[in-house]
PDB file of N, CA and C in Angstrom:
ATOM      1  N   MET A   1      99.315 163.974 -26.568  1.00  0.00           N
ATOM      2  CA  MET A   1      98.890 163.920 -27.786  1.00  0.00           C
ATOM      3  C   MET A   1     100.212 164.098 -28.114  1.00  0.00           C
ATOM      4  N   HIS A   2     100.874 165.282 -28.317  1.00  0.00           N
ATOM      5  CA  HIS A   2     102.107 165.852 -29.267  1.00  0.00           C
ATOM      6  C   HIS A   2     102.547 164.763 -29.336  1.00  0.00           C
ATOM      7  N   ALA A   3     103.460 163.821 -28.447  1.00  0.00           N
ATOM      8  CA  ALA A   3     104.258 162.878 -28.416  1.00  0.00           C
ATOM      9  C   ALA A   3     103.489 161.694 -29.174  1.00  0.00           C
ATOM     10  N   SER A   4     102.254 161.365 -29.328  1.00  0.00           N
ATOM     11  CA  SER A   4     101.878 160.663 -30.084  1.00  0.00           C
ATOM     12  C   SER A   4     101.455 160.947 -31.561  1.00  0.00           C
ATOM     13  N   GLY A   5     101.571 161.784 -31.917  1.00  0.00           N
ATOM     14  CA  GLY A   5     101.558 162.451 -33.004  1.00  0.00           C
ATOM     15  C   GLY A   5     100.017 163.296 -33.508  1.00  0.00           C
ATOM     16  N   GLU A   6      99.244 163.229 -32.381  1.00  0.00           N
ATOM     17  CA  GLU A   6      98.367 163.821 -32.636  1.00  0.00           C
ATOM     18  C   GLU A   6      98.235 165.320 -32.032  1.00  0.00           C
ATOM     19  N   LYS A   7      99.167 165.910 -33.513  1.00  0.00           N
ATOM     20  CA  LYS A   7      99.786 167.171 -32.847  1.00  0.00           C
ATOM     21  C   LYS A   7      98.125 168.198 -33.202  1.00  0.00           C
ATOM     22  N   GLU A   8      97.143 167.981 -34.148  1.00  0.00           N
ATOM     23  CA  GLU A   8      96.098 168.535 -34.744  1.00  0.00           C
ATOM     24  C   GLU A   8      95.342 168.659 -33.365  1.00  0.00           C
ATOM     25  N   LYS A   9      95.122 167.749 -32.508  1.00  0.00           N
ATOM     26  CA  LYS A   9      93.993 167.545 -31.287  1.00  0.00           C
ATOM     27  C   LYS A   9      94.634 168.112 -29.824  1.00  0.00           C
ATOM     28  N   ALA A  10      96.120 168.226 -30.189  1.00  0.00           N
ATOM     29  CA  ALA A  10      96.970 168.787 -28.984  1.00  0.00           C
ATOM     30  C   ALA A  10      96.505 170.395 -29.149  1.00  0.00           C
ATOM     31  N   MET A  11      97.086 170.870 -30.137  1.00  0.00           N
ATOM     32  CA  MET A  11      96.973 172.285 -30.524  1.00  0.00           C
ATOM     33  C   MET A  11      96.189 172.854 -29.257  1.00  0.00           C
ATOM     34  N   PRO A  12      94.830 172.874 -29.706  1.00  0.00           N
ATOM     35  CA  PRO A  12      93.804 173.935 -28.746  1.00  0.00           C
ATOM     36  C   PRO A  12      94.169 173.733 -27.326  1.00  0.00           C
ATOM     37  N   LEU A  13      94.484 172.319 -26.636  1.00  0.00           N
ATOM     38  CA  LEU A  13      94.293 172.227 -25.299  1.00  0.00           C
ATOM     39  C   LEU A  13      95.805 172.920 -24.801  1.00  0.00           C
ATOM     40  N   THR A  14      96.598 172.503 -25.785  1.00  0.00           N
ATOM     41  CA  THR A  14      98.315 173.149 -25.516  1.00  0.00           C
ATOM     42  C   THR A  14      97.812 174.737 -25.480  1.00  0.00           C
ATOM     43  N   GLN A  15      97.784 175.109 -26.167  1.00  0.00           N
ATOM     44  CA  GLN A  15      96.925 177.122 -26.607  1.00  0.00           C
ATOM     45  C   GLN A  15      96.300 177.094 -25.147  1.00  0.00           C
ATOM     46  N   ARG A  16      95.562 176.763 -24.526  1.00  0.00           N
ATOM     47  CA  ARG A  16      94.516 177.163 -23.788  1.00  0.00           C
ATOM     48  C   ARG A  16      95.687 177.180 -22.632  1.00  0.00           C
ATOM     49  N   ILE A  17      96.527 175.770 -22.222  1.00  0.00           N
ATOM     50  CA  ILE A  17      97.363 175.735 -21.166  1.00  0.00           C
ATOM     51  C   ILE A  17      98.042 176.551 -21.041  1.00  0.00           C
ATOM     52  N   LEU A  18      98.540 177.294 -21.926  1.00  0.00           N
ATOM     53  CA  LEU A  18      99.724 178.544 -22.372  1.00  0.00           C
ATOM     54  C   LEU A  18      99.238 180.154 -21.579  1.00  0.00           C
ATOM     55  N   LYS A  19      97.906 179.738 -21.919  1.00  0.00           N
ATOM     56  CA  LYS A  19      97.030 181.049 -21.899  1.00  0.00           C
ATOM     57  C   LYS A  19      96.778 181.103 -20.233  1.00  0.00           C
ATOM     58  N   ILE A  20      96.618 179.801 -19.712  1.00  0.00           N
ATOM     59  CA  ILE A  20      96.718 179.776 -18.165  1.00  0.00           C
ATOM     60  C   ILE A  20      97.891 180.007 -17.267  1.00  0.00           C
ATOM     61  N   LEU A  21      99.017 179.605 -17.739  1.00  0.00           N
ATOM     62  CA  LEU A  21     100.187 179.571 -17.244  1.00  0.00           C
ATOM     63  C   LEU A  21     100.855 180.897 -16.680  1.00  0.00           C
ATOM     64  N   PRO A  22     100.661 181.898 -17.599  1.00  0.00           N
ATOM     65  CA  PRO A  22     101.089 183.404 -16.833  1.00  0.00           C
ATOM     66  C   PRO A  22     100.817 183.793 -15.841  1.00  0.00           C
ATOM     67  N   PHE A  23      99.678 183.099 -15.447  1.00  0.00           N
ATOM     68  CA  PHE A  23      98.940 183.474 -13.749  1.00  0.00           C
ATOM     69  C   PHE A  23      99.661 182.637 -12.935  1.00  0.00           C
ATOM     70  N   LYS A  24     101.050 181.728 -13.052  1.00  0.00           N
ATOM     71  CA  LYS A  24     101.224 180.706 -12.197  1.00  0.00           C
ATOM     72  C   LYS A  24     102.617 181.330 -11.718  1.00  0.00           C
ATOM     73  N   SER A  25     102.842 180.928 -10.963  1.00  0.00           N
ATOM     74  CA  SER A  25     104.237 181.229 -10.592  1.00  0.00           C
ATOM     75  C   SER A  25     105.636 180.358 -11.236  1.00  0.00           C
ATOM     76  N   ARG A  26     106.641 180.793 -11.603  1.00  0.00           N
ATOM     77  CA  ARG A  26     107.916 179.689 -11.773  1.00  0.00           C
ATOM     78  C   ARG A  26     108.218 178.646 -10.872  1.00  0.00           C
ATOM     79  N   TYR A  27     108.052 179.348  -9.664  1.00  0.00           N
ATOM     80  CA  TYR A  27     108.621 178.914  -8.915  1.00  0.00           C
ATOM     81  C   TYR A  27     107.981 177.405  -8.380  1.00  0.00           C
ATOM     82  N   ARG A  28     109.670 176.793  -8.003  1.00  0.00           N
ATOM     83  CA  ARG A  28     109.358 175.646  -7.965  1.00  0.00           C
ATOM     84  C   ARG A  28     108.171 174.728  -6.531  1.00  0.00           C
ATOM     85  N   TRP A  29     107.942 173.700  -6.554  1.00  0.00           N
ATOM     86  CA  TRP A  29     106.465 172.610  -5.672  1.00  0.00           C
ATOM     87  C   TRP A  29     105.565 173.234  -6.001  1.00  0.00           C
ATOM     88  N   ASP A  30     104.791 174.489  -5.998  1.00  0.00           N
ATOM     89  CA  ASP A  30     103.987 174.916  -6.391  1.00  0.00           C
ATOM     90  C   ASP A  30     103.478 175.387  -7.966  1.00  0.00           C
ATOM     91  N   GLY A  31     104.569 175.662  -8.102  1.00  0.00           N
ATOM     92  CA  GLY A  31     104.932 176.616  -9.549  1.00  0.00           C
ATOM     93  C   GLY A  31     105.102 175.831 -10.747  1.00  0.00           C
ATOM     94  N   ILE A  32     104.885 176.770 -11.970  1.00  0.00           N
ATOM     95  CA  ILE A  32     105.589 175.938 -13.255  1.00  0.00           C
ATOM     96  C   ILE A  32     106.775 175.555 -13.537  1.00  0.00           C
ATOM     97  N   GLU A  33     108.014 176.082 -12.784  1.00  0.00           N
ATOM     98  CA  GLU A  33     109.324 176.203 -13.072  1.00  0.00           C
ATOM     99  C   GLU A  33     108.813 176.262 -15.235  1.00  0.00           C
ATOM    100  N   TYR A  34     109.670 175.610 -16.065  1.00  0.00           N
ATOM    101  CA  TYR A  34     109.676 175.991 -17.296  1.00  0.00           C
ATOM    102  C   TYR A  34     109.211 174.544 -18.046  1.00  0.00           C
ATOM    103  N   LEU A  35     107.492 174.576 -17.433  1.00  0.00           N
ATOM    104  CA  LEU A  35     106.578 173.718 -18.287  1.00  0.00           C
ATOM    105  C   LEU A  35     106.239 174.375 -19.393  1.00  0.00           C
ATOM    106  N   ASP A  36     106.122 176.071 -19.251  1.00  0.00           N
ATOM    107  CA  ASP A  36     105.848 176.716 -21.098  1.00  0.00           C
ATOM    108  C   ASP A  36     106.838 175.949 -21.760  1.00  0.00           C
ATOM    109  N   ALA A  37     108.348 176.136 -21.354  1.00  0.00           N
ATOM    110  CA  ALA A  37     109.150 175.876 -22.585  1.00  0.00           C
ATOM    111  C   ALA A  37     109.047 174.455 -23.047  1.00  0.00           C
ATOM    112  N   TRP A  38     108.538 173.029 -22.149  1.00  0.00           N
ATOM    113  CA  TRP A  38     108.039 171.881 -22.675  1.00  0.00           C
ATOM    114  C   TRP A  38     106.931 172.273 -23.754  1.00  0.00           C
ATOM    115  N   LEU A  39     105.511 172.947 -23.521  1.00  0.00           N
ATOM    116  CA  LEU A  39     104.396 173.184 -24.521  1.00  0.00           C
ATOM    117  C   LEU A  39     105.397 173.898 -25.422  1.00  0.00           C
ATOM    118  N   TYR A  40     105.890 174.683 -25.717  1.00  0.00           N
ATOM    119  CA  TYR A  40     106.470 175.219 -26.829  1.00  0.00           C
ATOM    120  C   TYR A  40     107.206 173.882 -27.987  1.00  0.00           C
ATOM    121  N   LEU A  41     107.701 173.420 -27.303  1.00  0.00           N
ATOM    122  CA  LEU A  41     109.056 172.411 -27.862  1.00  0.00           C
ATOM    123  C   LEU A  41     108.010 171.350 -28.251  1.00  0.00           C
ATOM    124  N   SER A  42     106.907 171.327 -27.902  1.00  0.00           N
ATOM    125  CA  SER A  42     105.768 169.968 -28.508  1.00  0.00           C
ATOM    126  C   SER A  42     105.318 170.894 -29.791  1.00  0.00           C
ATOM    127  N   MET A  43     105.141 171.888 -29.732  1.00  0.00           N
ATOM    128  CA  MET A  43     104.763 172.996 -31.045  1.00  0.00           C
ATOM    129  C   MET A  43     105.474 173.181 -31.728  1.00  0.00           C
ATOM    130  N   GLY A  44     107.177 172.967 -31.747  1.00  0.00           N
ATOM    131  CA  GLY A  44     107.769 173.095 -32.605  1.00  0.00           C
ATOM    132  C   GLY A  44     108.421 174.783 -32.660  1.00  0.00           C
ATOM    133  N   ALA A  45     107.937 175.403 -31.374  1.00  0.00           N
ATOM    134  CA  ALA A  45     108.598 176.784 -31.211  1.00  0.00           C
ATOM    135  C   ALA A  45     109.307 177.001 -30.547  1.00  0.00           C
ATOM    136  N   GLU A  46     111.015 176.816 -30.838  1.00  0.00           N
ATOM    137  CA  GLU A  46     111.952 176.815 -30.046  1.00  0.00           C
ATOM    138  C   GLU A  46     112.391 178.138 -29.566  1.00  0.00           C
ATOM    139  N   THR A  47     112.260 179.231 -30.155  1.00  0.00           N
ATOM    140  CA  THR A  47     112.864 180.586 -29.668  1.00  0.00           C
ATOM    141  C   THR A  47     111.633 181.087 -28.126  1.00  0.00           C
ATOM    142  N   LYS A  48     110.493 180.641 -28.765  1.00  0.00           N
ATOM    143  CA  LYS A  48     109.196 180.655 -27.621  1.00  0.00           C
ATOM    144  C   LYS A  48     110.037 180.034 -25.871  1.00  0.00           C
ATOM    145  N   ALA A  49     110.572 178.687 -26.544  1.00  0.00           N
ATOM    146  CA  ALA A  49     111.173 177.470 -25.453  1.00  0.00           C
ATOM    147  C   ALA A  49     112.302 178.705 -24.630  1.00  0.00           C
ATOM    148  N   MET A  50     113.103 178.480 -25.737  1.00  0.00           N
ATOM    149  CA  MET A  50     114.178 179.454 -25.093  1.00  0.00           C
ATOM    150  C   MET A  50     113.839 180.731 -24.702  1.00  0.00           C
ATOM    151  N   SER A  51     112.744 181.135 -24.810  1.00  0.00           N
ATOM    152  CA  SER A  51     112.572 182.514 -23.926  1.00  0.00           C
ATOM    153  C   SER A  51     112.172 182.419 -22.584  1.00  0.00           C
ATOM    154  N   ALA A  52     111.550 180.906 -21.941  1.00  0.00           N
ATOM    155  CA  ALA A  52     110.849 180.600 -21.328  1.00  0.00           C
ATOM    156  C   ALA A  52     111.713 180.192 -20.777  1.00  0.00           C
ATOM    157  N   LEU A  53     113.116 179.397 -21.148  1.00  0.00           N
ATOM    158  CA  LEU A  53     114.041 179.105 -20.129  1.00  0.00           C
ATOM    159  C   LEU A  53     114.396 180.062 -19.317  1.00  0.00           C
ATOM    160  N   TYR A  54     114.867 181.014 -20.487  1.00  0.00           N
ATOM    161  CA  TYR A  54     115.613 182.437 -19.626  1.00  0.00           C
ATOM    162  C   TYR A  54     114.694 183.432 -18.923  1.00  0.00           C
ATOM    163  N   GLN A  55     113.612 183.144 -18.741  1.00  0.00           N
ATOM    164  CA  GLN A  55     112.686 183.689 -17.474  1.00  0.00           C
ATOM    165  C   GLN A  55     113.029 182.902 -16.298  1.00  0.00           C
ATOM    166  N   TRP A  56     112.710 181.353 -16.281  1.00  0.00           N
ATOM    167  CA  TRP A  56     112.874 180.626 -15.665  1.00  0.00           C
ATOM    168  C   TRP A  56     114.072 181.022 -14.888  1.00  0.00           C
ATOM    169  N   ARG A  57     115.357 180.984 -15.596  1.00  0.00           N
ATOM    170  CA  ARG A  57     116.492 181.054 -14.992  1.00  0.00           C
ATOM    171  C   ARG A  57     116.769 182.552 -14.368  1.00  0.00           C
ATOM    172  N   GLU A  58     116.340 183.444 -14.782  1.00  0.00           N
ATOM    173  CA  GLU A  58     116.346 184.661 -14.385  1.00  0.00           C
ATOM    174  C   GLU A  58     115.783 184.451 -13.307  1.00  0.00           C
ATOM    175  N   LEU A  59     115.038 184.039 -12.554  1.00  0.00           N
ATOM    176  CA  LEU A  59     114.308 183.608 -10.917  1.00  0.00           C
ATOM    177  C   LEU A  59     114.889 182.794 -10.354  1.00  0.00           C
ATOM    178  N   GLY A  60     116.043 182.238 -10.767  1.00  0.00           N
ATOM    179  CA  GLY A  60     117.082 181.765  -9.889  1.00  0.00           C
ATOM    180  C   GLY A  60     116.792 179.718 -10.324  1.00  0.00           C
ATOM    181  N   GLY A  61     116.258 179.559 -11.280  1.00  0.00           N
ATOM    182  CA  GLY A  61     116.142 178.433 -11.552  1.00  0.00           C
ATOM    183  C   GLY A  61     117.631 177.768 -12.088  1.00  0.00           C
ATOM    184  N   CYS A  62     117.833 176.742 -11.585  1.00  0.00           N
ATOM    185  CA  CYS A  62     119.090 175.783 -11.593  1.00  0.00           C
ATOM    186  C   CYS A  62     119.259 174.395 -11.460  1.00  0.00           C
ATOM    187  N   VAL A  63     118.794 173.884 -12.483  1.00  0.00           N
ATOM    188  CA  VAL A  63     119.097 172.159 -13.011  1.00  0.00           C
ATOM    189  C   VAL A  63     119.556 171.869 -13.800  1.00  0.00           C
ATOM    190  N   ASP A  64     120.533 171.154 -14.034  1.00  0.00           N
ATOM    191  CA  ASP A  64     120.890 170.864 -15.217  1.00  0.00           C
ATOM    192  C   ASP A  64     120.080 170.113 -16.507  1.00  0.00           C
ATOM    193  N   LEU A  65     119.658 171.252 -17.056  1.00  0.00           N
ATOM    194  CA  LEU A  65     118.659 171.286 -18.193  1.00  0.00           C
ATOM    195  C   LEU A  65     119.375 169.470 -19.337  1.00  0.00           C
ATOM    196  N   THR A  66     120.045 169.265 -18.993  1.00  0.00           N
ATOM    197  CA  THR A  66     120.251 168.049 -20.307  1.00  0.00           C
ATOM    198  C   THR A  66     119.401 166.836 -19.421  1.00  0.00           C
ATOM    199  N   LYS A  67     119.317 166.824 -18.085  1.00  0.00           N
ATOM    200  CA  LYS A  67     118.590 165.549 -17.533  1.00  0.00           C
ATOM    201  C   LYS A  67     117.394 165.709 -17.697  1.00  0.00           C
ATOM    202  N   ASN A  68     116.772 166.481 -18.530  1.00  0.00           N
ATOM    203  CA  ASN A  68     115.320 166.167 -19.220  1.00  0.00           C
ATOM    204  C   ASN A  68     115.057 166.099 -20.220  1.00  0.00           C
ATOM    205  N   PRO A  69     114.785 165.044 -20.708  1.00  0.00           N
ATOM    206  CA  PRO A  69     114.998 164.432 -21.903  1.00  0.00           C
ATOM    207  C   PRO A  69     113.645 165.176 -23.164  1.00  0.00           C
ATOM    208  N   VAL A  70     112.826 165.420 -22.518  1.00  0.00           N
ATOM    209  CA  VAL A  70     111.734 166.380 -22.822  1.00  0.00           C
ATOM    210  C   VAL A  70     112.342 168.091 -24.148  1.00  0.00           C
ATOM    211  N   LEU A  71     113.647 168.219 -23.034  1.00  0.00           N
ATOM    212  CA  LEU A  71     114.277 169.563 -23.498  1.00  0.00           C
ATOM    213  C   LEU A  71     115.501 168.891 -24.681  1.00  0.00           C
ATOM    214  N   ALA A  72     115.447 167.564 -25.386  1.00  0.00           N
ATOM    215  CA  ALA A  72     116.161 167.395 -26.097  1.00  0.00           C
ATOM    216  C   ALA A  72     116.020 167.556 -27.167  1.00  0.00           C
ATOM    217  N   PRO A  73     115.176 167.960 -27.884  1.00  0.00           N
ATOM    218  CA  PRO A  73     115.064 169.022 -29.120  1.00  0.00           C
ATOM    219  C   PRO A  73     116.446 170.478 -29.679  1.00  0.00           C
ATOM    220  N   LEU A  74     116.653 170.582 -28.061  1.00  0.00           N
ATOM    221  CA  LEU A  74     117.516 172.381 -27.793  1.00  0.00           C
ATOM    222  C   LEU A  74     119.058 171.380 -27.935  1.00  0.00           C
ATOM    223  N   PHE A  75     119.043 170.786 -27.087  1.00  0.00           N
ATOM    224  CA  PHE A  75     120.467 170.453 -26.519  1.00  0.00           C
ATOM    225  C   PHE A  75     121.572 170.500 -27.942  1.00  0.00           C
ATOM    226  N   ASN A  76     121.277 170.762 -28.925  1.00  0.00           N
ATOM    227  CA  ASN A  76     122.658 171.170 -30.027  1.00  0.00           C
ATOM    228  C   ASN A  76     122.386 172.601 -30.238  1.00  0.00           C
ATOM    229  N   ASN A  77     121.165 173.154 -29.499  1.00  0.00           N
ATOM    230  CA  ASN A  77     121.336 174.963 -29.632  1.00  0.00           C
ATOM    231  C   ASN A  77     121.755 175.283 -28.670  1.00  0.00           C
ATOM    232  N   PRO A  78     123.285 176.184 -29.705  1.00  0.00           N
ATOM    233  CA  PRO A  78     124.232 176.970 -29.098  1.00  0.00           C
ATOM    234  C   PRO A  78     124.149 177.733 -27.592  1.00  0.00           C
ATOM    235  N   GLU A  79     122.478 179.093 -27.926  1.00  0.00           N
ATOM    236  CA  GLU A  79     121.958 179.550 -26.759  1.00  0.00           C
ATOM    237  C   GLU A  79     121.725 178.493 -26.108  1.00  0.00           C
ATOM    238  N   PHE A  80     121.193 177.333 -25.752  1.00  0.00           N
ATOM    239  CA  PHE A  80     120.826 176.566 -25.016  1.00  0.00           C
ATOM    240  C   PHE A  80     121.798 175.867 -24.135  1.00  0.00           C
ATOM    241  N   LYS A  81     122.803 175.400 -25.176  1.00  0.00           N
ATOM    242  CA  LYS A  81     123.846 175.180 -24.468  1.00  0.00           C
ATOM    243  C   LYS A  81     125.151 176.129 -23.384  1.00  0.00           C
ATOM    244  N   ALA A  82     124.801 177.282 -24.130  1.00  0.00           N
ATOM    245  CA  ALA A  82     125.117 178.403 -23.078  1.00  0.00           C
ATOM    246  C   ALA A  82     124.706 178.584 -21.828  1.00  0.00           C
ATOM    247  N   LEU A  83     123.195 178.766 -22.039  1.00  0.00           N
ATOM    248  CA  LEU A  83     122.439 179.159 -20.869  1.00  0.00           C
ATOM    249  C   LEU A  83     122.699 177.960 -19.745  1.00  0.00           C
ATOM    250  N   ASN A  84     123.056 176.341 -20.092  1.00  0.00           N
ATOM    251  CA  ASN A  84     122.841 175.185 -19.368  1.00  0.00           C
ATOM    252  C   ASN A  84     124.414 175.246 -18.773  1.00  0.00           C
ATOM    253  N   ASN A  85     125.602 175.992 -19.704  1.00  0.00           N
ATOM    254  CA  ASN A  85     126.906 175.642 -18.784  1.00  0.00           C
ATOM    255  C   ASN A  85     126.573 177.019 -17.967  1.00  0.00           C
ATOM    256  N   GLY A  86     125.869 177.667 -17.904  1.00  0.00           N
ATOM    257  CA  GLY A  86     125.776 178.470 -16.812  1.00  0.00           C
ATOM    258  C   GLY A  86     125.486 178.082 -15.475  1.00  0.00           C
ATOM    259  N   ILE A  87     124.225 177.011 -15.654  1.00  0.00           N
ATOM    260  CA  ILE A  87     123.872 176.398 -14.784  1.00  0.00           C
ATOM    261  C   ILE A  87     124.760 175.459 -13.980  1.00  0.00           C
ATOM    262  N   LEU A  88     125.610 174.567 -15.011  1.00  0.00           N
ATOM    263  CA  LEU A  88     126.492 174.055 -14.226  1.00  0.00           C
ATOM    264  C   LEU A  88     127.714 174.465 -13.937  1.00  0.00           C
ATOM    265  N   GLN A  89     128.128 175.610 -14.180  1.00  0.00           N
ATOM    266  CA  GLN A  89     129.238 176.693 -13.337  1.00  0.00           C
ATOM    267  C   GLN A  89     128.575 176.759 -12.330  1.00  0.00           C
ATOM    268  N   GLN A  90     127.420 177.023 -11.960  1.00  0.00           N
ATOM    269  CA  GLN A  90     126.756 177.562 -10.482  1.00  0.00           C
ATOM    270  C   GLN A  90     126.441 176.490  -9.817  1.00  0.00           C
ATOM    271  N   LEU A  91     126.291 175.464 -10.070  1.00  0.00           N
ATOM    272  CA  LEU A  91     126.404 174.233  -9.431  1.00  0.00           C
ATOM    273  C   LEU A  91     127.834 173.738  -9.409  1.00  0.00           C
ATOM    274  N   ALA A  92     128.482 173.600  -9.827  1.00  0.00           N
ATOM    275  CA  ALA A  92     129.769 173.264  -9.595  1.00  0.00           C
ATOM    276  C   ALA A  92     130.319 174.080  -8.563  1.00  0.00           C
ATOM    277  N   GLU A  93     130.045 175.454  -8.292  1.00  0.00           N
ATOM    278  CA  GLU A  93     130.562 176.397  -7.219  1.00  0.00           C
ATOM    279  C   GLU A  93     130.090 176.208  -5.889  1.00  0.00           C
ATOM    280  N   GLN A  94     128.388 175.583  -5.991  1.00  0.00           N
ATOM    281  CA  GLN A  94     127.722 175.651  -4.985  1.00  0.00           C
ATOM    282  C   GLN A  94     128.363 174.267  -4.391  1.00  0.00           C
ATOM    283  N   ARG A  95     128.483 173.124  -5.121  1.00  0.00           N
ATOM    284  CA  ARG A  95     129.165 171.898  -4.457  1.00  0.00           C
ATOM    285  C   ARG A  95     130.396 172.118  -3.761  1.00  0.00           C
ATOM    286  N   ALA A  96     131.257 172.853  -4.306  1.00  0.00           N
ATOM    287  CA  ALA A  96     132.400 173.378  -3.980  1.00  0.00           C
ATOM    288  C   ALA A  96     132.283 173.979  -2.438  1.00  0.00           C
ATOM    289  N   ASN A  97     131.363 175.138  -2.740  1.00  0.00           N
ATOM    290  CA  ASN A  97     130.806 176.129  -1.502  1.00  0.00           C
ATOM    291  C   ASN A  97     130.724 174.785   0.026  1.00  0.00           C
ATOM    292  N   LEU A  98     130.020 173.597  -0.532  1.00  0.00           N
ATOM    293  CA  LEU A  98     129.380 172.848   0.408  1.00  0.00           C
ATOM    294  C   LEU A  98     130.609 171.729   1.182  1.00  0.00           C
ATOM    295  N   VAL A  99     131.390 171.413   0.095  1.00  0.00           N
ATOM    296  CA  VAL A  99     132.720 170.788   0.666  1.00  0.00           C
ATOM    297  C   VAL A  99     133.296 171.715   1.631  1.00  0.00           C
ATOM    298  N   ARG A 100     133.191 172.942   1.317  1.00  0.00           N
ATOM    299  CA  ARG A 100     134.431 173.902   2.060  1.00  0.00           C
ATOM    300  C   ARG A 100     133.655 174.131   3.190  1.00  0.00           C
ATOM    301  N   MET A 101     132.530 173.996   3.464  1.00  0.00           N
ATOM    302  CA  MET A 101     131.518 174.440   4.377  1.00  0.00           C
ATOM    303  C   MET A 101     131.661 173.091   5.479  1.00  0.00           C
ATOM    304  N   GLU A 102     131.521 172.179   4.454  1.00  0.00           N
ATOM    305  CA  GLU A 102     131.332 170.729   5.583  1.00  0.00           C
ATOM    306  C   GLU A 102     132.754 170.532   6.475  1.00  0.00           C
ATOM    307  N   ALA A 103     133.846 170.792   5.472  1.00  0.00           N
ATOM    308  CA  ALA A 103     135.491 171.310   5.652  1.00  0.00           C
ATOM    309  C   ALA A 103     135.439 171.760   7.281  1.00  0.00           C
ATOM    310  N   ASN A 104     134.941 172.763   6.781  1.00  0.00           N
ATOM    311  CA  ASN A 104     135.261 173.839   8.059  1.00  0.00           C
ATOM    312  C   ASN A 104     133.960 173.759   9.166  1.00  0.00           C
ATOM    313  N   GLY A 105     133.494 172.814   9.302  1.00  0.00           N
ATOM    314  CA  GLY A 105     132.626 172.600  10.229  1.00  0.00           C
ATOM    315  C   GLY A 105     131.272 173.593  10.303  1.00  0.00           C
ATOM    316  N   GLU A 106     131.305 174.477   9.074  1.00  0.00           N
ATOM    317  CA  GLU A 106     130.324 175.588   9.237  1.00  0.00           C
ATOM    318  C   GLU A 106     128.737 175.058   9.207  1.00  0.00           C
ATOM    319  N   LEU A 107     128.501 174.039   8.556  1.00  0.00           N
ATOM    320  CA  LEU A 107     127.333 173.426   8.652  1.00  0.00           C
ATOM    321  C   LEU A 107     126.875 172.239   9.834  1.00  0.00           C
ATOM    322  N   SER A 108     125.544 172.620  10.452  1.00  0.00           N
ATOM    323  CA  SER A 108     125.020 171.706  11.264  1.00  0.00           C
ATOM    324  C   SER A 108     124.581 170.336  10.558  1.00  0.00           C
ATOM    325  N   PRO A 109     125.093 169.678  11.619  1.00  0.00           N
ATOM    326  CA  PRO A 109     124.566 168.291  11.066  1.00  0.00           C
ATOM    327  C   PRO A 109     123.501 167.745  10.953  1.00  0.00           C
ATOM    328  N   ILE A 110     122.827 167.038   9.887  1.00  0.00           N
ATOM    329  CA  ILE A 110     121.312 166.708   9.754  1.00  0.00           C
ATOM    330  C   ILE A 110     121.025 165.878  11.077  1.00  0.00           C
ATOM    331  N   PRO A 111     119.491 166.348  11.427  1.00  0.00           N
ATOM    332  CA  PRO A 111     119.238 165.807  12.335  1.00  0.00           C
ATOM    333  C   PRO A 111     118.676 164.550  11.805  1.00  0.00           C
ATOM    334  N   VAL A 112     118.488 163.446  12.994  1.00  0.00           N
ATOM    335  CA  VAL A 112     118.343 161.962  12.876  1.00  0.00           C
ATOM    336  C   VAL A 112     116.777 162.331  13.256  1.00  0.00           C
ATOM    337  N   ILE A 113     116.024 161.898  12.478  1.00  0.00           N
ATOM    338  CA  ILE A 113     114.588 161.732  12.977  1.00  0.00           C
ATOM    339  C   ILE A 113     113.918 160.208  13.090  1.00  0.00           C
ATOM    340  N   PRO A 114     113.515 160.021  14.554  1.00  0.00           N
ATOM    341  CA  PRO A 114     113.602 158.432  15.428  1.00  0.00           C
ATOM    342  C   PRO A 114     112.663 158.162  14.442  1.00  0.00           C
TER     343      PRO A 114
END
């Protein structure tokens, strides 16, 4: 509804969802990750969206946020850029560690499932 311009219809539902989300985990698979950031952005609340992203990051969230077009309104925000650059640095370090571990034979081969 937000995307189609029906903001007045969407607002009560969005606010209701935001009331429920604090009771859910941010952890992946069964968690909300940074869903609240999306909702805040749909409402035009960039500061609250950034706060949600910081909370997600503090709990270990680590994906390139620029791959998610829903967050596009934040892409030029200096705080967002700094947050995402930290994530990109961590991802690069993780990739380098993986390459090193593979080269040193520190990783078991991935099992083949018949």
